Protein backbone atom coordinates (compact mmCIF):
# COMPACT_ATOMS: atom_id res chain seq x y z
CA MET A 1 142.38 102.87 110.73
CA LYS A 2 139.29 104.01 108.80
CA LYS A 3 138.92 100.56 107.26
CA GLU A 4 139.12 98.97 110.73
CA ARG A 5 136.38 101.27 112.10
CA ARG A 6 134.12 100.31 109.20
CA ARG A 7 134.73 96.59 109.80
CA ASN A 8 133.79 96.97 113.49
CA LYS A 9 130.68 98.95 112.59
CA TYR A 10 129.29 96.01 110.59
CA LYS A 11 130.66 93.21 112.74
CA GLY A 12 128.16 90.38 112.89
CA TRP A 13 126.58 91.33 109.56
CA GLN A 14 126.67 89.75 106.12
CA ILE A 15 126.45 92.51 103.48
CA PHE A 16 126.80 91.60 99.82
CA ARG A 17 125.38 91.83 96.33
CA ASP A 18 123.49 88.72 95.19
CA ARG A 19 123.86 87.13 91.77
CA TYR A 20 121.37 89.60 90.36
CA GLY A 21 123.32 92.62 91.62
CA LYS A 22 120.84 93.36 94.42
CA TRP A 23 122.20 94.35 97.84
CA ARG A 24 121.48 91.97 100.74
CA ALA A 25 122.17 92.54 104.44
CA TYR A 26 121.67 89.88 107.14
CA HIS A 27 122.29 89.87 110.88
CA ARG A 28 124.39 86.70 111.15
CA LYS A 29 123.19 85.50 114.54
CA THR A 30 119.43 85.95 114.08
CA GLY A 31 119.01 85.97 110.30
CA GLU A 32 117.13 89.27 110.46
CA LYS A 33 117.52 91.21 107.23
CA ILE A 34 117.48 94.86 106.24
CA ASP A 35 115.37 96.09 103.34
CA CYS A 36 118.21 97.43 101.17
CA ASP A 37 115.75 99.16 98.83
CA LYS A 38 114.55 101.23 101.77
CA PHE A 39 117.93 101.58 103.51
CA GLU A 40 120.72 101.93 100.95
CA PRO A 41 123.87 100.14 102.21
CA PHE A 42 126.57 102.26 103.83
CA THR A 43 124.37 105.36 104.08
CA LEU A 44 123.50 107.05 107.36
CA ALA A 45 119.99 105.56 107.28
CA PHE A 46 121.48 102.10 106.77
CA ASP A 47 123.92 102.56 109.65
CA MET A 48 121.07 103.64 111.93
CA GLU A 49 119.09 100.52 111.00
CA VAL A 50 122.15 98.35 111.68
CA HIS A 51 122.53 100.02 115.07
CA ARG A 52 118.82 99.53 115.87
CA ILE A 53 118.95 95.81 115.12
CA ASN A 54 122.28 95.39 116.94
CA GLU A 55 120.77 96.98 120.05
CA LEU A 56 117.63 94.86 119.73
CA HIS A 57 119.62 91.65 119.67
CA LYS A 58 122.46 92.67 121.97
CA GLU A 59 123.37 89.66 124.03
CA LYS A 60 123.16 89.89 127.76
CA GLN A 61 124.16 87.20 130.19
CA ALA A 62 121.09 85.00 130.65
CA LYS A 63 120.38 83.99 134.22
CA PRO A 64 120.69 80.24 134.82
CA GLY A 65 117.39 78.37 134.99
CA THR A 66 115.38 81.11 133.30
CA LEU A 67 113.38 81.39 130.11
CA GLY A 68 116.11 83.64 128.71
CA MET A 69 118.71 80.93 129.27
CA LEU A 70 116.53 78.34 127.51
CA ILE A 71 115.95 80.66 124.56
CA LYS A 72 119.65 81.48 124.27
CA ARG A 73 120.71 77.84 124.29
CA TYR A 74 118.01 76.73 121.88
CA ARG A 75 118.86 79.59 119.52
CA ALA A 76 122.50 78.41 119.46
CA SER A 77 121.55 74.76 118.85
CA ASP A 78 121.84 72.71 115.66
CA GLU A 79 118.07 72.17 115.76
CA PHE A 80 117.70 75.91 115.22
CA LEU A 81 120.75 76.93 113.16
CA ASP A 82 122.01 73.94 111.19
CA PRO A 83 121.18 74.28 107.45
CA GLU A 84 120.45 70.54 107.17
CA ILE A 85 118.36 69.80 110.26
CA GLY A 86 117.56 73.24 111.65
CA LYS A 87 114.94 75.86 110.90
CA ALA A 88 114.77 77.69 107.59
CA LYS A 89 116.01 81.29 107.62
CA ARG A 90 112.46 82.60 107.37
CA THR A 91 111.38 80.43 110.32
CA GLN A 92 114.38 81.56 112.36
CA SER A 93 113.35 85.15 111.76
CA ASP A 94 109.74 84.39 112.77
CA TYR A 95 110.89 82.63 115.95
CA GLN A 96 113.15 85.57 116.77
CA ARG A 97 110.12 87.86 116.67
CA VAL A 98 108.52 85.70 119.36
CA PHE A 99 111.75 85.66 121.40
CA ASP A 100 111.81 89.47 121.19
CA TYR A 101 108.17 89.56 122.31
CA LEU A 102 109.02 87.37 125.32
CA GLN A 103 112.04 89.46 126.29
CA PRO A 104 110.26 91.25 129.19
CA ILE A 105 109.77 87.90 130.97
CA GLU A 106 113.05 86.20 130.08
CA ASP A 107 114.38 86.46 133.66
CA ILE A 108 111.48 84.41 135.04
CA PRO A 109 112.53 80.95 136.34
CA LEU A 110 111.50 77.99 134.23
CA GLU A 111 109.60 76.48 137.18
CA TRP A 112 107.13 79.37 136.98
CA PHE A 113 105.81 78.24 133.61
CA THR A 114 102.76 76.02 133.93
CA THR A 115 100.08 75.19 131.42
CA ALA A 116 97.71 77.68 133.05
CA ARG A 117 100.30 80.46 132.93
CA ILE A 118 101.11 79.84 129.26
CA VAL A 119 97.38 79.98 128.54
CA MET A 120 97.42 83.32 130.35
CA LEU A 121 100.30 84.48 128.10
CA ARG A 122 98.37 83.26 125.06
CA ASP A 123 95.22 85.15 126.06
CA LYS A 124 97.20 88.33 126.72
CA ALA A 125 98.83 88.04 123.30
CA TYR A 126 95.40 87.56 121.74
CA LYS A 127 94.04 90.75 123.27
CA LYS A 128 97.09 92.71 122.18
CA LEU A 129 97.96 91.20 118.79
CA LYS A 130 95.02 88.91 117.87
CA TRP A 131 94.57 85.18 117.35
CA ARG A 132 97.25 84.25 114.83
CA TRP A 133 100.07 85.79 116.89
CA ALA A 134 98.72 84.31 120.12
CA ASN A 135 98.71 80.82 118.64
CA TYR A 136 102.19 81.29 117.20
CA VAL A 137 103.57 82.28 120.60
CA VAL A 138 102.23 79.00 122.01
CA THR A 139 103.71 77.08 119.06
CA VAL A 140 107.18 78.53 119.66
CA LEU A 141 106.96 77.91 123.40
CA PHE A 142 105.94 74.30 122.71
CA VAL A 143 109.03 73.79 120.51
CA LEU A 144 111.25 75.56 123.03
CA PHE A 145 110.10 73.53 126.07
CA LYS A 146 110.12 70.28 124.08
CA TRP A 147 113.77 70.93 123.22
CA GLY A 148 114.50 71.82 126.86
CA LYS A 149 112.77 68.74 128.25
CA LEU A 150 114.96 66.43 126.14
CA ARG A 151 118.01 68.08 127.74
CA ASP A 152 116.74 68.13 131.34
CA TYR A 153 116.33 71.89 131.50
CA VAL A 154 112.66 71.36 132.39
CA LYS A 155 110.72 68.39 133.79
CA ASN A 156 107.76 68.68 131.42
CA ASN A 157 106.41 70.70 128.54
CA PRO A 158 103.81 73.13 129.90
CA ALA A 159 102.88 74.26 126.38
CA ALA A 160 101.79 70.77 125.32
CA GLU A 161 98.11 70.13 124.63
CA ILE A 162 97.12 73.80 124.76
CA PRO A 163 94.36 74.24 122.15
CA PRO A 164 94.74 77.10 119.68
CA ILE A 165 92.44 80.07 119.82
CA PRO A 166 89.78 79.41 117.15
CA ARG A 167 89.95 81.27 113.87
CA PRO A 168 87.54 84.25 113.97
CA LYS A 169 84.27 83.42 112.23
CA SER A 170 84.33 86.73 110.35
CA LEU A 171 87.53 85.86 108.47
CA LEU A 172 87.48 84.33 105.02
CA ASP A 173 88.99 80.87 104.57
CA ALA A 174 92.75 81.24 104.38
CA ASN A 175 94.15 80.23 100.98
CA ARG A 176 90.90 78.61 99.86
CA PRO A 177 90.86 76.52 96.67
CA TRP A 178 90.10 78.35 93.44
CA THR A 179 86.98 77.45 91.47
CA ASP A 180 87.25 76.30 87.84
CA ALA A 181 85.70 79.58 86.70
CA GLU A 182 88.24 81.60 88.72
CA ARG A 183 91.17 79.71 87.23
CA GLU A 184 89.88 80.35 83.71
CA ALA A 185 89.22 84.05 84.46
CA VAL A 186 92.75 84.57 85.82
CA LEU A 187 94.42 82.78 82.90
CA ALA A 188 92.47 84.92 80.45
CA ALA A 189 93.66 88.11 82.18
CA LEU A 190 97.38 87.30 82.46
CA PRO A 191 100.08 88.98 80.35
CA PRO A 192 102.46 86.50 78.67
CA HIS A 193 105.33 86.96 81.15
CA MET A 194 103.06 85.98 84.08
CA PHE A 195 101.88 82.74 82.47
CA PRO A 196 104.86 80.52 83.46
CA PRO A 197 104.86 81.21 87.24
CA ILE A 198 101.07 80.94 87.48
CA ALA A 199 101.16 77.71 85.45
CA LEU A 200 103.77 76.24 87.82
CA MET A 201 101.65 77.16 90.82
CA MET A 202 98.36 76.10 89.23
CA HIS A 203 99.46 72.74 87.81
CA TYR A 204 102.44 71.73 89.97
CA ALA A 205 101.26 73.27 93.26
CA LEU A 206 104.60 75.06 93.75
CA ASP A 207 104.83 77.70 96.43
CA PRO A 208 104.91 81.17 94.84
CA GLN A 209 108.51 81.76 95.96
CA ASP A 210 109.59 78.31 94.71
CA ALA A 211 107.97 78.92 91.32
CA LEU A 212 109.61 82.32 90.90
CA ALA A 213 113.07 81.05 91.94
CA LEU A 214 112.96 77.84 89.87
CA PRO A 215 116.10 77.69 87.69
CA LYS A 216 115.90 76.79 84.01
CA THR A 217 117.91 73.66 84.74
CA ALA A 218 115.11 72.27 86.93
CA ILE A 219 112.83 71.61 83.96
CA SER A 220 113.28 69.49 80.86
CA SER A 221 111.21 67.60 78.32
CA ALA A 222 110.82 64.89 80.97
CA GLY A 223 109.36 67.23 83.56
CA ILE A 224 110.31 69.13 86.69
CA ASP A 225 113.00 68.07 89.17
CA THR A 226 113.30 70.34 92.18
CA ARG A 227 112.89 70.57 95.94
CA ARG A 228 110.39 72.47 98.00
CA HIS A 229 112.37 75.19 99.77
CA LYS A 230 110.33 75.12 102.98
CA THR A 231 110.58 71.37 103.65
CA GLY A 232 113.50 70.28 101.46
CA GLU A 233 111.29 67.51 100.09
CA PRO A 234 112.00 66.51 96.46
CA VAL A 235 109.37 67.19 93.81
CA TYR A 236 109.43 65.14 90.58
CA LEU A 237 106.57 65.78 88.18
CA PRO A 238 106.17 65.10 84.44
CA LEU A 239 105.89 67.97 82.00
CA PHE A 240 102.40 68.19 80.57
CA GLU A 241 100.57 70.33 78.08
CA PRO A 242 99.29 73.32 80.12
CA VAL A 243 102.74 74.02 81.58
CA ALA A 244 104.56 73.35 78.30
CA ASP A 245 102.14 75.71 76.53
CA ALA A 246 102.69 78.46 79.14
CA LEU A 247 106.46 78.17 78.77
CA ALA A 248 106.20 78.27 74.97
CA ARG A 249 104.08 81.42 75.10
CA ALA A 250 106.42 83.27 77.46
CA PRO A 251 108.69 85.98 76.02
CA MET A 252 112.33 84.98 75.51
CA HIS A 253 114.76 86.11 78.21
CA ASN A 254 118.32 85.54 79.44
CA ALA A 255 117.55 85.18 83.15
CA ILE A 256 118.86 82.06 84.87
CA THR A 257 115.41 81.50 86.35
CA LEU A 258 112.68 79.85 84.32
CA CYS A 259 110.34 82.78 84.95
CA ALA A 260 111.18 86.42 84.25
CA ASN A 261 109.41 89.75 84.48
CA SER A 262 108.58 92.07 81.60
CA ARG A 263 112.20 93.34 81.58
CA GLY A 264 113.60 89.81 81.24
CA LYS A 265 114.92 89.84 84.82
CA PRO A 266 114.23 87.27 87.55
CA TRP A 267 111.05 88.02 89.45
CA THR A 268 111.19 89.20 93.04
CA TYR A 269 108.34 88.00 95.21
CA ASN A 270 107.26 91.58 95.96
CA GLY A 271 107.35 92.50 92.27
CA PHE A 272 105.24 89.54 91.23
CA SER A 273 102.85 90.03 94.15
CA THR A 274 102.28 93.67 93.14
CA ASN A 275 101.44 92.69 89.57
CA TRP A 276 99.22 89.84 90.74
CA HIS A 277 97.20 92.04 93.11
CA LYS A 278 96.50 94.55 90.33
CA ILE A 279 95.07 91.78 88.13
CA LYS A 280 93.11 90.25 91.00
CA LYS A 281 91.59 93.63 91.94
CA LYS A 282 90.32 94.18 88.38
CA LEU A 283 88.82 90.70 88.30
CA GLU A 284 87.17 91.19 91.70
CA ASP A 285 85.69 94.52 90.59
CA ALA A 286 84.34 92.83 87.46
CA GLY A 287 82.83 90.01 89.53
CA ALA A 288 84.96 87.40 87.74
CA VAL A 289 86.50 86.12 90.99
CA GLN A 290 85.35 86.11 94.60
CA PRO A 291 87.29 87.75 97.46
CA GLY A 292 89.93 85.64 99.18
CA LEU A 293 91.83 84.47 96.11
CA THR A 294 95.51 83.89 96.96
CA LEU A 295 98.48 82.41 95.13
CA LYS A 296 99.02 79.91 97.95
CA GLY A 297 95.42 78.88 97.44
CA LEU A 298 96.55 77.14 94.26
CA ARG A 299 98.30 74.51 96.39
CA HIS A 300 94.99 73.81 98.10
CA THR A 301 93.34 73.76 94.66
CA VAL A 302 95.66 71.05 93.35
CA ALA A 303 95.27 69.00 96.54
CA THR A 304 91.48 69.34 96.41
CA ILE A 305 91.24 68.27 92.77
CA LEU A 306 93.56 65.30 93.33
CA ARG A 307 91.44 64.18 96.29
CA GLU A 308 88.23 64.59 94.28
CA MET A 309 89.85 62.32 91.67
CA GLY A 310 90.26 59.68 94.38
CA LYS A 311 94.03 60.05 94.90
CA ASP A 312 95.30 58.89 98.30
CA TYR A 313 96.97 61.21 100.81
CA GLY A 314 100.41 59.71 100.19
CA THR A 315 100.21 60.68 96.51
CA ILE A 316 99.02 64.19 97.38
CA GLN A 317 101.89 64.45 99.88
CA ASN A 318 104.42 63.61 97.16
CA VAL A 319 102.95 66.03 94.62
CA LEU A 320 102.86 68.94 97.05
CA GLY A 321 106.23 68.18 98.68
CA HIS A 322 104.85 67.78 102.19
CA LYS A 323 106.74 65.96 104.91
CA THR A 324 103.64 64.30 106.36
CA GLU A 325 100.30 62.94 105.20
CA ALA A 326 98.67 65.13 107.85
CA MET A 327 99.49 68.20 105.76
CA ALA A 328 98.09 66.49 102.66
CA ARG A 329 94.87 65.89 104.58
CA HIS A 330 94.78 69.54 105.62
CA TYR A 331 95.26 70.81 102.08
CA SER A 332 92.59 68.53 100.62
CA LYS A 333 90.04 68.76 103.45
CA ARG A 334 87.52 70.66 101.32
CA ALA A 335 87.34 67.78 98.85
CA ASP A 336 86.64 65.33 101.68
CA LYS A 337 83.93 67.59 103.10
CA THR A 338 82.39 68.06 99.65
CA LYS A 339 82.31 64.30 99.09
CA GLN A 340 80.72 63.69 102.47
CA THR A 341 78.11 66.43 102.12
CA ALA A 342 77.27 65.41 98.54
CA ALA A 343 76.61 61.86 99.71
CA ALA A 344 74.58 63.12 102.66
CA VAL A 345 72.45 65.41 100.50
CA ALA A 346 71.85 62.58 98.00
CA ASP A 347 70.75 60.28 100.83
CA PHE A 348 68.58 63.06 102.23
CA GLY A 349 66.86 63.43 98.84
CA VAL A 350 66.14 59.72 98.73
CA GLU A 351 64.70 59.86 102.23
CA LEU A 352 62.42 62.77 101.30
CA ASN A 353 61.14 60.84 98.31
CA LYS A 354 60.31 57.92 100.60
CA ARG A 355 58.33 60.22 102.87
CA LYS A 356 56.19 61.65 100.11
CA THR A 357 52.55 60.59 100.37
CA LYS A 358 50.69 59.61 97.29
CA VAL A 359 48.12 62.15 96.13
CA VAL A 360 44.69 60.56 96.08
CA LYS A 361 42.48 61.90 93.31
CA PRO A 362 39.00 62.86 94.49
CA THR A 363 36.18 60.65 93.21
CA SER A 364 33.52 62.30 91.12
């Protein structure tokens, strides 16, 4: 009887130890996870967190023809859940946050939603939770209504063609490319066990999480053979000296991942991020790097350098594991701007020289 009560308490949850012995807990339907370091499994605090999330996502009967109905049906679709064609777990969780945000209006009929009213929702979200969240709400609504239109739940997509709220001028560029001097300063400050992941990010443009999770079997004397987790796109790149040198300098370890922390265990993203921020802070204080340096900025760095070398967008797309050339253009946009402005400044200098008047020496 006691065992049955415990099973019912965690119904709808996946609770297990991963291959590294770390507890994991996921809400099966939404993919929402519990921080098992903060809430130890099977303790009272853990049970309270399970109850909180269960209540948050408790299903109620969605009214036909409403936003809630559309959300419920989309959330149960293959386009959302299927591991092959659906959204990644992280994206599912992010979408669920928007669905939770929209919960107060889920009983509103679909006919109520017009472009003007979604702009109103966007502006309200901006005032409450700022520009990034406001734009993300519109993005999710666009995907939701697009899915619904294809299935005759709605006649049109009212979230189409709504421009995003501009990025605030006061914010630094997100994930800007690193300068040559910044790359050299960071490499000089790294301890040996941080060399491999940084090298993979710096030279192969891997996402931080992809670099940290890369198994030893993904790399050989021929190079790297892996897939980008976010897009599922294959990445095949030859092994070359900077990466080979970083791997050779790394301390020996028995972890199944290529990269390991100072204890020889696989890195967690939070653990690596904590170590990285300590190093970055020291370098910022010393004036060796400028503010705004991020690990994801190394992807933009690789794309920028490749574009400056004259590589086409298709090549950059393959190196970075993007699904579209549009993303390759986005990641390398600084190189294109630099090329254009350099040419413009050079032309401007020539024009100024043409406009110079000859100095006439006075006669004696």
